[in-house]
Every structure is written in structure tokens, then in C-alpha cells.
Amino acid sequence: MSEYSTSDLRSQLKIVRHNMANSKEMYDSFVEQERLLQDELNKRIAKAKNK
């Protein structure tokens, strides 16, 4: 990293932080999608058992 200037390091750090924030948003979205799918599956299983 010694070949990078202080300005370059700051720029790279900004990019990494931006990418991390985007990745967290995507992860949170996938977690929510999984929860919704699991909830729907559980409802269908419960409904089938009650027939």
C-alpha cells in the first residue's frame, strides 16, 4: 500500500465503504426475502396439516 498516495487511500476507503453499504442493503433484502418465503411455506404446511 505504500505506493498509494494519501489521497488515493482516502478515495479507495470511500469506495470500499460505499460498496460495504450496498452489500449490507442487498444482504438485508435477501434476509427479508428468505423470511417471507419461509413464512409462506410454513403457512402452506400448516394449512395442509389441518385438512
N, C-alpha and C. Protein backbone atom coordinates (compact mmCIF):
# COMPACT_ATOMS: atom_id res chain seq x y z
N MET A 1 0.81 -1.19 0.00
CA MET A 1 0.00 0.00 0.00
C MET A 1 0.86 1.26 0.00
N SER A 2 2.12 1.09 0.21
CA SER A 2 2.99 2.26 0.30
C SER A 2 3.10 3.03 -1.01
N GLU A 3 2.72 2.38 -2.12
CA GLU A 3 2.79 3.07 -3.42
C GLU A 3 1.61 4.03 -3.63
N TYR A 4 0.59 3.92 -2.78
CA TYR A 4 -0.58 4.80 -2.90
C TYR A 4 -0.36 6.10 -2.14
N SER A 5 -0.85 7.17 -2.72
CA SER A 5 -0.81 8.46 -2.02
C SER A 5 -1.91 8.49 -0.96
N THR A 6 -1.81 9.44 -0.07
CA THR A 6 -2.84 9.61 0.96
C THR A 6 -4.19 9.85 0.31
N SER A 7 -4.21 10.62 -0.73
CA SER A 7 -5.45 10.90 -1.46
C SER A 7 -6.02 9.63 -2.08
N ASP A 8 -5.14 8.81 -2.65
CA ASP A 8 -5.59 7.53 -3.23
C ASP A 8 -6.20 6.64 -2.16
N LEU A 9 -5.55 6.58 -1.02
CA LEU A 9 -6.07 5.75 0.08
C LEU A 9 -7.43 6.23 0.54
N ARG A 10 -7.59 7.54 0.65
CA ARG A 10 -8.89 8.08 1.05
C ARG A 10 -9.96 7.74 0.02
N SER A 11 -9.61 7.85 -1.25
CA SER A 11 -10.56 7.52 -2.32
C SER A 11 -10.95 6.06 -2.28
N GLN A 12 -9.95 5.19 -2.11
CA GLN A 12 -10.23 3.76 -2.04
C GLN A 12 -11.08 3.42 -0.82
N LEU A 13 -10.79 4.06 0.29
CA LEU A 13 -11.57 3.84 1.50
C LEU A 13 -13.02 4.26 1.30
N LYS A 14 -13.24 5.37 0.62
CA LYS A 14 -14.60 5.83 0.33
C LYS A 14 -15.32 4.81 -0.55
N ILE A 15 -14.64 4.29 -1.54
CA ILE A 15 -15.24 3.29 -2.44
C ILE A 15 -15.60 2.02 -1.67
N VAL A 16 -14.68 1.57 -0.83
CA VAL A 16 -14.91 0.35 -0.05
C VAL A 16 -16.10 0.53 0.89
N ARG A 17 -16.17 1.67 1.55
CA ARG A 17 -17.29 1.92 2.46
C ARG A 17 -18.61 1.97 1.70
N HIS A 18 -18.60 2.57 0.53
CA HIS A 18 -19.80 2.61 -0.30
C HIS A 18 -20.22 1.20 -0.71
N ASN A 19 -19.25 0.39 -1.13
CA ASN A 19 -19.54 -1.00 -1.52
C ASN A 19 -20.05 -1.81 -0.35
N MET A 20 -19.50 -1.58 0.83
CA MET A 20 -19.96 -2.29 2.02
C MET A 20 -21.41 -1.93 2.34
N ALA A 21 -21.75 -0.65 2.22
CA ALA A 21 -23.13 -0.22 2.49
C ALA A 21 -24.08 -0.87 1.50
N ASN A 22 -23.70 -0.89 0.23
CA ASN A 22 -24.54 -1.53 -0.79
C ASN A 22 -24.69 -3.02 -0.51
N SER A 23 -23.61 -3.66 -0.13
CA SER A 23 -23.65 -5.09 0.16
C SER A 23 -24.57 -5.37 1.34
N LYS A 24 -24.52 -4.53 2.36
CA LYS A 24 -25.39 -4.72 3.52
C LYS A 24 -26.85 -4.57 3.12
N GLU A 25 -27.15 -3.59 2.28
CA GLU A 25 -28.53 -3.42 1.81
C GLU A 25 -29.00 -4.65 1.05
N MET A 26 -28.14 -5.19 0.20
CA MET A 26 -28.50 -6.39 -0.55
C MET A 26 -28.70 -7.57 0.39
N TYR A 27 -27.81 -7.74 1.35
CA TYR A 27 -27.93 -8.82 2.31
C TYR A 27 -29.24 -8.72 3.09
N ASP A 28 -29.54 -7.52 3.58
CA ASP A 28 -30.77 -7.32 4.33
C ASP A 28 -31.99 -7.64 3.48
N SER A 29 -31.93 -7.30 2.21
CA SER A 29 -33.02 -7.60 1.29
C SER A 29 -33.19 -9.11 1.12
N PHE A 30 -32.09 -9.82 0.99
CA PHE A 30 -32.15 -11.28 0.86
C PHE A 30 -32.70 -11.93 2.13
N VAL A 31 -32.29 -11.41 3.28
CA VAL A 31 -32.79 -11.95 4.55
C VAL A 31 -34.31 -11.76 4.63
N GLU A 32 -34.79 -10.59 4.24
CA GLU A 32 -36.23 -10.33 4.25
C GLU A 32 -36.95 -11.25 3.27
N GLN A 33 -36.38 -11.43 2.08
CA GLN A 33 -36.98 -12.32 1.09
C GLN A 33 -37.05 -13.75 1.63
N GLU A 34 -35.99 -14.20 2.27
CA GLU A 34 -35.98 -15.54 2.85
C GLU A 34 -37.07 -15.67 3.91
N ARG A 35 -37.20 -14.65 4.75
CA ARG A 35 -38.21 -14.68 5.81
C ARG A 35 -39.61 -14.78 5.21
N LEU A 36 -39.88 -13.99 4.18
CA LEU A 36 -41.20 -14.03 3.54
C LEU A 36 -41.48 -15.39 2.92
N LEU A 37 -40.50 -15.95 2.25
CA LEU A 37 -40.67 -17.27 1.64
C LEU A 37 -40.89 -18.36 2.71
N GLN A 38 -40.11 -18.28 3.78
CA GLN A 38 -40.25 -19.26 4.85
C GLN A 38 -41.62 -19.15 5.51
N ASP A 39 -42.07 -17.92 5.74
CA ASP A 39 -43.39 -17.71 6.33
C ASP A 39 -44.49 -18.30 5.45
N GLU A 40 -44.39 -18.08 4.16
CA GLU A 40 -45.39 -18.61 3.23
C GLU A 40 -45.37 -20.13 3.23
N LEU A 41 -44.18 -20.69 3.21
CA LEU A 41 -44.06 -22.15 3.25
C LEU A 41 -44.66 -22.71 4.53
N ASN A 42 -44.36 -22.08 5.65
CA ASN A 42 -44.91 -22.54 6.93
C ASN A 42 -46.43 -22.47 6.95
N LYS A 43 -47.00 -21.43 6.37
CA LYS A 43 -48.46 -21.31 6.29
C LYS A 43 -49.05 -22.44 5.47
N ARG A 44 -48.43 -22.74 4.35
CA ARG A 44 -48.94 -23.80 3.48
C ARG A 44 -48.83 -25.18 4.15
N ILE A 45 -47.75 -25.40 4.85
CA ILE A 45 -47.58 -26.67 5.56
C ILE A 45 -48.63 -26.80 6.65
N ALA A 46 -48.85 -25.74 7.39
CA ALA A 46 -49.85 -25.76 8.48
C ALA A 46 -51.24 -25.98 7.90
N LYS A 47 -51.52 -25.34 6.78
CA LYS A 47 -52.83 -25.48 6.13
C LYS A 47 -53.03 -26.92 5.68
N ALA A 48 -52.01 -27.52 5.10
CA ALA A 48 -52.10 -28.90 4.61
C ALA A 48 -52.31 -29.88 5.78
N LYS A 49 -51.71 -29.61 6.90
CA LYS A 49 -51.88 -30.50 8.06
C LYS A 49 -53.28 -30.42 8.65
N ASN A 50 -53.92 -29.26 8.48
CA ASN A 50 -55.27 -29.05 9.06
C ASN A 50 -56.38 -29.59 8.17
N LYS A 51 -56.05 -30.13 7.03
CA LYS A 51 -57.10 -30.66 6.13
C LYS A 51 -57.57 -32.00 6.59
